[in-house]
């Protein structure tokens, strides 16, 4: 059976911790290892931080997060309605940043990809970005 949770919150940097906590708590449905839980928290943190900083910049906005548990797969979707990404392939390159003046590392997508089994990015300039991350959990037993 599928279990689905949808939430949204203002695009404030302090809400990144809230999103991380919600994702970790939801993930407990799978009885994850400590490492799996850490991976999920880290990936969600990066996705939400990207939405807040790159999606909205200094403007107010809303970050939408959806968590879905189905069979042994956790799907986390983070979406913003911010500025969007002109070139997704360029944005996914390690060390690329659209904000070098802000001393950003440009590793957000690389981190998400390292900790999740799959990461899909959909974006349209001026309309926002959606990041869909999947992780198979509990399949080692």
N, C-alpha and C. Protein backbone atom coordinates (compact mmCIF):
# COMPACT_ATOMS: atom_id res chain seq x y z
N UNK A 1 0.83 -1.18 0.00
CA UNK A 1 0.00 0.00 0.00
C UNK A 1 0.88 1.25 0.00
N UNK A 2 0.45 2.26 -0.69
CA UNK A 2 1.19 3.51 -0.81
C UNK A 2 0.83 4.42 0.37
N UNK A 3 1.84 5.07 0.94
CA UNK A 3 1.65 6.06 2.00
C UNK A 3 2.22 7.37 1.47
N UNK A 4 1.44 8.44 1.56
CA UNK A 4 1.82 9.71 0.96
C UNK A 4 1.66 10.84 1.96
N UNK A 5 2.65 11.72 2.02
CA UNK A 5 2.60 12.90 2.87
C UNK A 5 2.99 14.11 2.03
N UNK A 6 2.17 15.14 2.08
CA UNK A 6 2.49 16.39 1.39
C UNK A 6 2.52 17.51 2.41
N UNK A 7 3.52 18.39 2.26
CA UNK A 7 3.63 19.53 3.15
C UNK A 7 4.25 20.69 2.37
N UNK A 8 4.12 21.86 2.92
CA UNK A 8 4.75 23.04 2.32
C UNK A 8 5.14 23.97 3.46
N UNK A 9 6.11 24.83 3.16
CA UNK A 9 6.61 25.75 4.18
C UNK A 9 7.26 26.95 3.49
N UNK A 10 7.34 28.09 4.21
CA UNK A 10 7.97 29.27 3.61
C UNK A 10 9.44 29.01 3.26
N UNK A 11 9.92 29.68 2.24
CA UNK A 11 11.29 29.50 1.76
C UNK A 11 12.28 30.25 2.64
N UNK A 12 12.37 29.80 3.88
CA UNK A 12 13.30 30.35 4.85
C UNK A 12 14.38 29.31 5.12
N UNK A 13 15.62 29.75 5.26
CA UNK A 13 16.72 28.80 5.46
C UNK A 13 16.51 27.94 6.70
N UNK A 14 15.91 28.46 7.75
CA UNK A 14 15.71 27.67 8.95
C UNK A 14 14.71 26.52 8.74
N UNK A 15 13.90 26.58 7.71
CA UNK A 15 12.96 25.50 7.43
C UNK A 15 13.61 24.29 6.78
N UNK A 16 14.87 24.42 6.40
CA UNK A 16 15.62 23.28 5.87
C UNK A 16 15.72 22.19 6.94
N UNK A 17 15.94 22.58 8.19
CA UNK A 17 16.01 21.61 9.28
C UNK A 17 14.65 20.95 9.51
N UNK A 18 13.59 21.72 9.37
CA UNK A 18 12.24 21.17 9.51
C UNK A 18 11.99 20.10 8.45
N UNK A 19 12.33 20.40 7.21
CA UNK A 19 12.13 19.45 6.10
C UNK A 19 12.95 18.18 6.32
N UNK A 20 14.17 18.35 6.77
CA UNK A 20 15.04 17.21 7.06
C UNK A 20 14.43 16.32 8.14
N UNK A 21 13.90 16.94 9.17
CA UNK A 21 13.27 16.20 10.26
C UNK A 21 12.02 15.46 9.82
N UNK A 22 11.20 16.12 9.02
CA UNK A 22 9.97 15.48 8.51
C UNK A 22 10.34 14.27 7.65
N UNK A 23 11.32 14.43 6.78
CA UNK A 23 11.73 13.32 5.91
C UNK A 23 12.30 12.16 6.73
N UNK A 24 13.09 12.48 7.74
CA UNK A 24 13.66 11.43 8.59
C UNK A 24 12.56 10.68 9.33
N UNK A 25 11.61 11.42 9.88
CA UNK A 25 10.52 10.79 10.62
C UNK A 25 9.67 9.89 9.70
N UNK A 26 9.36 10.40 8.52
CA UNK A 26 8.57 9.61 7.56
C UNK A 26 9.33 8.35 7.16
N UNK A 27 10.64 8.46 7.01
CA UNK A 27 11.47 7.33 6.59
C UNK A 27 11.47 6.19 7.60
N UNK A 28 11.11 6.49 8.83
CA UNK A 28 11.08 5.45 9.86
C UNK A 28 10.08 4.34 9.52
N UNK A 29 9.15 4.61 8.61
CA UNK A 29 8.22 3.59 8.14
C UNK A 29 8.97 2.37 7.58
N UNK A 30 10.18 2.61 7.08
CA UNK A 30 10.97 1.56 6.45
C UNK A 30 11.94 0.88 7.41
N UNK A 31 12.01 1.35 8.66
CA UNK A 31 12.99 0.85 9.62
C UNK A 31 14.40 0.94 9.01
N UNK A 32 14.81 2.15 8.61
CA UNK A 32 16.10 2.31 7.92
C UNK A 32 17.28 2.17 8.88
N UNK A 33 18.43 1.92 8.29
CA UNK A 33 19.67 1.94 9.07
C UNK A 33 20.00 3.39 9.40
N UNK A 34 20.91 3.60 10.32
CA UNK A 34 21.35 4.95 10.66
C UNK A 34 21.97 5.61 9.43
N UNK A 35 22.72 4.84 8.65
CA UNK A 35 23.34 5.38 7.44
C UNK A 35 22.29 5.80 6.41
N UNK A 36 21.27 4.97 6.22
CA UNK A 36 20.20 5.33 5.28
C UNK A 36 19.48 6.59 5.73
N UNK A 37 19.22 6.69 7.01
CA UNK A 37 18.54 7.87 7.55
C UNK A 37 19.39 9.12 7.34
N UNK A 38 20.67 9.00 7.56
CA UNK A 38 21.59 10.12 7.34
C UNK A 38 21.62 10.52 5.86
N UNK A 39 21.63 9.53 4.97
CA UNK A 39 21.63 9.80 3.53
C UNK A 39 20.39 10.61 3.13
N UNK A 40 19.24 10.18 3.63
CA UNK A 40 17.98 10.86 3.29
C UNK A 40 17.98 12.29 3.82
N UNK A 41 18.38 12.45 5.06
CA UNK A 41 18.42 13.80 5.66
C UNK A 41 19.35 14.73 4.86
N UNK A 42 20.50 14.21 4.46
CA UNK A 42 21.46 15.01 3.72
C UNK A 42 20.91 15.41 2.35
N UNK A 43 20.33 14.46 1.63
CA UNK A 43 19.79 14.75 0.30
C UNK A 43 18.64 15.75 0.37
N UNK A 44 17.74 15.57 1.34
CA UNK A 44 16.62 16.51 1.50
C UNK A 44 17.15 17.89 1.85
N UNK A 45 18.14 17.95 2.71
CA UNK A 45 18.74 19.23 3.08
C UNK A 45 19.26 19.97 1.85
N UNK A 46 19.95 19.25 0.97
CA UNK A 46 20.49 19.87 -0.25
C UNK A 46 19.38 20.34 -1.18
N UNK A 47 18.35 19.52 -1.36
CA UNK A 47 17.25 19.89 -2.26
C UNK A 47 16.50 21.11 -1.75
N UNK A 48 16.22 21.15 -0.46
CA UNK A 48 15.49 22.29 0.11
C UNK A 48 16.36 23.54 0.10
N UNK A 49 17.62 23.40 0.41
CA UNK A 49 18.53 24.55 0.37
C UNK A 49 18.60 25.13 -1.05
N UNK A 50 18.66 24.27 -2.06
CA UNK A 50 18.65 24.74 -3.45
C UNK A 50 17.37 25.52 -3.75
N UNK A 51 16.23 25.00 -3.30
CA UNK A 51 14.96 25.68 -3.55
C UNK A 51 14.94 27.05 -2.89
N UNK A 52 15.39 27.12 -1.66
CA UNK A 52 15.37 28.39 -0.91
C UNK A 52 16.35 29.38 -1.52
N UNK A 53 17.59 28.96 -1.70
CA UNK A 53 18.64 29.90 -2.14
C UNK A 53 18.61 30.18 -3.63
N UNK A 54 18.55 29.13 -4.44
CA UNK A 54 18.60 29.32 -5.89
C UNK A 54 17.22 29.55 -6.50
N UNK A 55 16.21 28.90 -5.95
CA UNK A 55 14.86 29.06 -6.50
C UNK A 55 14.28 30.43 -6.23
N UNK A 56 14.39 30.84 -4.97
CA UNK A 56 13.75 32.10 -4.58
C UNK A 56 14.72 33.24 -4.29
N UNK A 57 15.98 32.94 -4.05
CA UNK A 57 16.93 34.00 -3.73
C UNK A 57 16.49 34.74 -2.49
N UNK A 58 16.33 36.02 -2.59
CA UNK A 58 15.94 36.83 -1.44
C UNK A 58 14.45 37.14 -1.44
N UNK A 59 13.70 36.45 -2.28
CA UNK A 59 12.26 36.69 -2.35
C UNK A 59 11.51 35.65 -1.52
N UNK A 60 10.32 36.02 -1.07
CA UNK A 60 9.47 35.08 -0.34
C UNK A 60 8.87 34.08 -1.32
N UNK A 61 8.76 32.84 -0.87
CA UNK A 61 8.16 31.81 -1.69
C UNK A 61 7.76 30.64 -0.82
N UNK A 62 7.30 29.60 -1.46
CA UNK A 62 6.87 28.39 -0.76
C UNK A 62 7.63 27.21 -1.34
N UNK A 63 8.12 26.35 -0.45
CA UNK A 63 8.75 25.10 -0.86
C UNK A 63 7.75 23.99 -0.57
N UNK A 64 7.54 23.13 -1.56
CA UNK A 64 6.60 22.02 -1.44
C UNK A 64 7.40 20.72 -1.34
N UNK A 65 7.02 19.86 -0.42
CA UNK A 65 7.71 18.59 -0.28
C UNK A 65 6.67 17.46 -0.20
N UNK A 66 6.94 16.42 -0.96
CA UNK A 66 6.06 15.24 -0.95
C UNK A 66 6.92 14.02 -0.66
N UNK A 67 6.44 13.18 0.25
CA UNK A 67 7.13 11.95 0.61
C UNK A 67 6.19 10.79 0.31
N UNK A 68 6.70 9.80 -0.37
CA UNK A 68 5.88 8.65 -0.74
C UNK A 68 6.62 7.37 -0.39
N UNK A 69 5.94 6.51 0.37
CA UNK A 69 6.46 5.19 0.70
C UNK A 69 5.63 4.17 -0.05
N UNK A 70 6.29 3.44 -0.92
CA UNK A 70 5.59 2.39 -1.67
C UNK A 70 6.53 1.20 -1.81
N UNK A 71 6.08 0.04 -1.33
CA UNK A 71 6.90 -1.16 -1.28
C UNK A 71 8.17 -0.82 -0.49
N UNK A 72 9.34 -0.99 -1.10
CA UNK A 72 10.58 -0.68 -0.38
C UNK A 72 11.27 0.57 -0.93
N UNK A 73 10.49 1.46 -1.56
CA UNK A 73 11.06 2.67 -2.16
C UNK A 73 10.47 3.93 -1.52
N UNK A 74 11.37 4.79 -1.09
CA UNK A 74 11.01 6.12 -0.61
C UNK A 74 11.23 7.09 -1.76
N UNK A 75 10.21 7.89 -2.07
CA UNK A 75 10.35 8.95 -3.07
C UNK A 75 10.14 10.26 -2.36
N UNK A 76 11.11 11.16 -2.54
CA UNK A 76 11.03 12.51 -1.97
C UNK A 76 11.02 13.49 -3.13
N UNK A 77 10.00 14.32 -3.16
CA UNK A 77 9.89 15.35 -4.20
C UNK A 77 9.94 16.71 -3.52
N UNK A 78 10.85 17.56 -3.98
CA UNK A 78 10.97 18.92 -3.47
C UNK A 78 10.75 19.85 -4.65
N UNK A 79 9.81 20.79 -4.49
CA UNK A 79 9.44 21.66 -5.60
C UNK A 79 9.37 23.11 -5.14
N UNK A 80 9.80 23.99 -6.03
CA UNK A 80 9.63 25.43 -5.78
C UNK A 80 9.00 26.05 -7.02
N UNK A 81 8.49 27.24 -6.85
CA UNK A 81 7.91 28.00 -7.97
C UNK A 81 8.75 29.25 -8.21
N UNK A 82 10.05 29.08 -8.07
CA UNK A 82 10.99 30.19 -8.18
C UNK A 82 11.48 30.43 -9.59
N UNK A 83 12.73 30.83 -9.69
CA UNK A 83 13.26 31.29 -10.97
C UNK A 83 13.55 30.20 -11.98
N UNK A 84 13.67 28.95 -11.54
CA UNK A 84 13.94 27.85 -12.47
C UNK A 84 15.41 27.79 -12.87
N UNK A 85 15.74 26.78 -13.64
CA UNK A 85 17.12 26.54 -14.07
C UNK A 85 17.18 26.62 -15.59
N UNK A 86 18.05 27.46 -16.09
CA UNK A 86 18.23 27.62 -17.54
C UNK A 86 18.79 26.35 -18.18
N UNK A 87 19.86 25.81 -17.58
CA UNK A 87 20.57 24.67 -18.16
C UNK A 87 20.75 23.61 -17.06
N UNK A 88 19.88 22.63 -17.03
CA UNK A 88 19.90 21.61 -15.96
C UNK A 88 21.20 20.82 -15.98
N UNK A 89 21.67 20.43 -17.15
CA UNK A 89 22.91 19.65 -17.24
C UNK A 89 24.09 20.43 -16.66
N UNK A 90 24.18 21.71 -16.97
CA UNK A 90 25.24 22.54 -16.42
C UNK A 90 25.10 22.66 -14.90
N UNK A 91 23.89 22.87 -14.43
CA UNK A 91 23.64 23.01 -13.00
C UNK A 91 23.99 21.73 -12.23
N UNK A 92 23.91 20.58 -12.87
CA UNK A 92 24.19 19.31 -12.20
C UNK A 92 25.69 18.98 -12.16
N UNK A 93 26.50 19.76 -12.85
CA UNK A 93 27.95 19.50 -12.85
C UNK A 93 28.53 19.87 -11.49
N UNK A 94 29.37 18.98 -10.93
CA UNK A 94 30.02 19.31 -9.66
C UNK A 94 30.81 20.61 -9.75
N UNK A 95 30.70 21.40 -8.71
CA UNK A 95 31.39 22.69 -8.53
C UNK A 95 30.81 23.83 -9.35
N UNK A 96 29.78 23.57 -10.17
CA UNK A 96 29.13 24.67 -10.87
C UNK A 96 28.19 25.36 -9.89
N UNK A 97 28.23 26.68 -9.89
CA UNK A 97 27.27 27.44 -9.10
C UNK A 97 26.83 28.66 -9.88
N UNK A 98 25.56 28.97 -9.75
CA UNK A 98 25.03 30.17 -10.40
C UNK A 98 25.23 31.39 -9.50
N UNK A 99 25.80 31.16 -8.30
CA UNK A 99 25.99 32.25 -7.34
C UNK A 99 27.41 32.23 -6.78
N UNK A 100 28.44 32.42 -7.62
CA UNK A 100 29.82 32.37 -7.11
C UNK A 100 30.11 33.45 -6.07
N UNK A 101 29.42 34.57 -6.18
CA UNK A 101 29.63 35.66 -5.22
C UNK A 101 29.15 35.28 -3.82
N UNK A 102 28.29 34.29 -3.71
CA UNK A 102 27.76 33.85 -2.43
C UNK A 102 28.59 32.70 -1.84
N UNK A 103 29.71 32.39 -2.48
CA UNK A 103 30.60 31.33 -2.04
C UNK A 103 29.89 30.00 -1.88
N UNK A 104 29.06 29.65 -2.85
CA UNK A 104 28.36 28.36 -2.86
C UNK A 104 29.31 27.33 -3.45
N UNK A 105 29.24 26.09 -2.99
CA UNK A 105 30.20 25.07 -3.43
C UNK A 105 29.84 24.43 -4.76
N UNK A 106 28.56 24.49 -5.16
CA UNK A 106 28.16 23.88 -6.41
C UNK A 106 28.10 22.36 -6.34
N UNK A 107 27.88 21.82 -5.15
CA UNK A 107 27.87 20.36 -4.99
C UNK A 107 26.50 19.81 -4.63
N UNK A 108 25.47 20.63 -4.62
CA UNK A 108 24.13 20.21 -4.20
C UNK A 108 23.61 18.98 -4.93
N UNK A 109 23.58 19.03 -6.26
CA UNK A 109 23.06 17.90 -7.02
C UNK A 109 23.98 16.68 -6.89
N UNK A 110 25.29 16.91 -6.86
CA UNK A 110 26.23 15.79 -6.70
C UNK A 110 26.02 15.09 -5.36
N UNK A 111 25.75 15.84 -4.32
CA UNK A 111 25.48 15.25 -3.01
C UNK A 111 24.18 14.45 -3.05
N UNK A 112 23.14 15.03 -3.65
CA UNK A 112 21.86 14.31 -3.75
C UNK A 112 22.07 12.98 -4.48
N UNK A 113 22.82 13.02 -5.58
CA UNK A 113 23.05 11.81 -6.37
C UNK A 113 23.89 10.78 -5.62
N UNK A 114 24.80 11.25 -4.77
CA UNK A 114 25.65 10.34 -4.00
C UNK A 114 24.85 9.59 -2.92
N UNK A 115 23.82 10.22 -2.38
CA UNK A 115 23.11 9.64 -1.25
C UNK A 115 21.77 8.98 -1.61
N UNK A 116 21.27 9.23 -2.81
CA UNK A 116 20.00 8.63 -3.22
C UNK A 116 20.26 7.70 -4.41
N UNK A 117 19.33 6.80 -4.67
CA UNK A 117 19.50 5.87 -5.79
C UNK A 117 19.25 6.53 -7.14
N UNK A 118 18.35 7.50 -7.17
CA UNK A 118 18.12 8.24 -8.41
C UNK A 118 17.67 9.66 -8.08
N UNK A 119 18.04 10.58 -8.95
CA UNK A 119 17.67 11.99 -8.82
C UNK A 119 17.26 12.49 -10.20
N UNK A 120 16.03 12.99 -10.27
CA UNK A 120 15.52 13.55 -11.52
C UNK A 120 15.23 15.03 -11.26
N UNK A 121 15.64 15.88 -12.22
CA UNK A 121 15.43 17.32 -12.08
C UNK A 121 14.61 17.81 -13.26
N UNK A 122 13.52 18.49 -12.94
CA UNK A 122 12.67 19.11 -13.96
C UNK A 122 12.61 20.59 -13.64
N UNK A 123 12.78 21.43 -14.64
CA UNK A 123 12.77 22.87 -14.38
C UNK A 123 12.40 23.64 -15.63
N UNK A 124 11.81 24.78 -15.39
CA UNK A 124 11.48 25.69 -16.47
C UNK A 124 11.77 27.11 -15.98
N UNK A 125 12.62 27.84 -16.70
CA UNK A 125 12.94 29.20 -16.26
C UNK A 125 11.67 30.02 -16.01
N UNK A 126 11.65 30.68 -14.86
CA UNK A 126 10.52 31.52 -14.49
C UNK A 126 9.35 30.77 -13.88
N UNK A 127 9.42 29.44 -13.85
CA UNK A 127 8.30 28.65 -13.33
C UNK A 127 8.68 27.72 -12.20
N UNK A 128 9.97 27.55 -11.93
CA UNK A 128 10.38 26.73 -10.80
C UNK A 128 11.06 25.44 -11.17
N UNK A 129 11.38 24.69 -10.11
CA UNK A 129 12.14 23.45 -10.25
C UNK A 129 11.54 22.37 -9.37
N UNK A 130 11.57 21.15 -9.88
CA UNK A 130 11.13 19.98 -9.13
C UNK A 130 12.28 18.98 -9.12
N UNK A 131 12.62 18.50 -7.92
CA UNK A 131 13.65 17.48 -7.76
C UNK A 131 12.97 16.24 -7.19
N UNK A 132 13.11 15.11 -7.89
CA UNK A 132 12.50 13.85 -7.47
C UNK A 132 13.62 12.87 -7.15
N UNK A 133 13.69 12.48 -5.88
CA UNK A 133 14.75 11.59 -5.42
C UNK A 133 14.14 10.28 -4.93
N UNK A 134 14.78 9.17 -5.26
CA UNK A 134 14.30 7.85 -4.83
C UNK A 134 15.40 7.09 -4.12
N UNK A 135 14.98 6.33 -3.12
CA UNK A 135 15.93 5.48 -2.39
C UNK A 135 15.21 4.19 -1.99
N UNK A 136 15.82 3.07 -2.33
CA UNK A 136 15.30 1.76 -1.94
C UNK A 136 15.82 1.48 -0.52
N UNK A 137 14.90 1.10 0.35
CA UNK A 137 15.26 0.89 1.76
C UNK A 137 14.83 -0.49 2.23
N UNK A 138 15.61 -1.04 3.15
CA UNK A 138 15.24 -2.29 3.78
C UNK A 138 15.31 -3.50 2.90
N UNK A 139 15.98 -3.41 1.75
CA UNK A 139 16.01 -4.55 0.83
C UNK A 139 17.14 -5.52 1.13
N UNK A 140 17.99 -5.19 2.13
CA UNK A 140 19.11 -6.06 2.48
C UNK A 140 18.69 -7.26 3.32
N UNK A 141 17.48 -7.22 3.88
CA UNK A 141 17.05 -8.27 4.80
C UNK A 141 16.59 -9.50 4.08
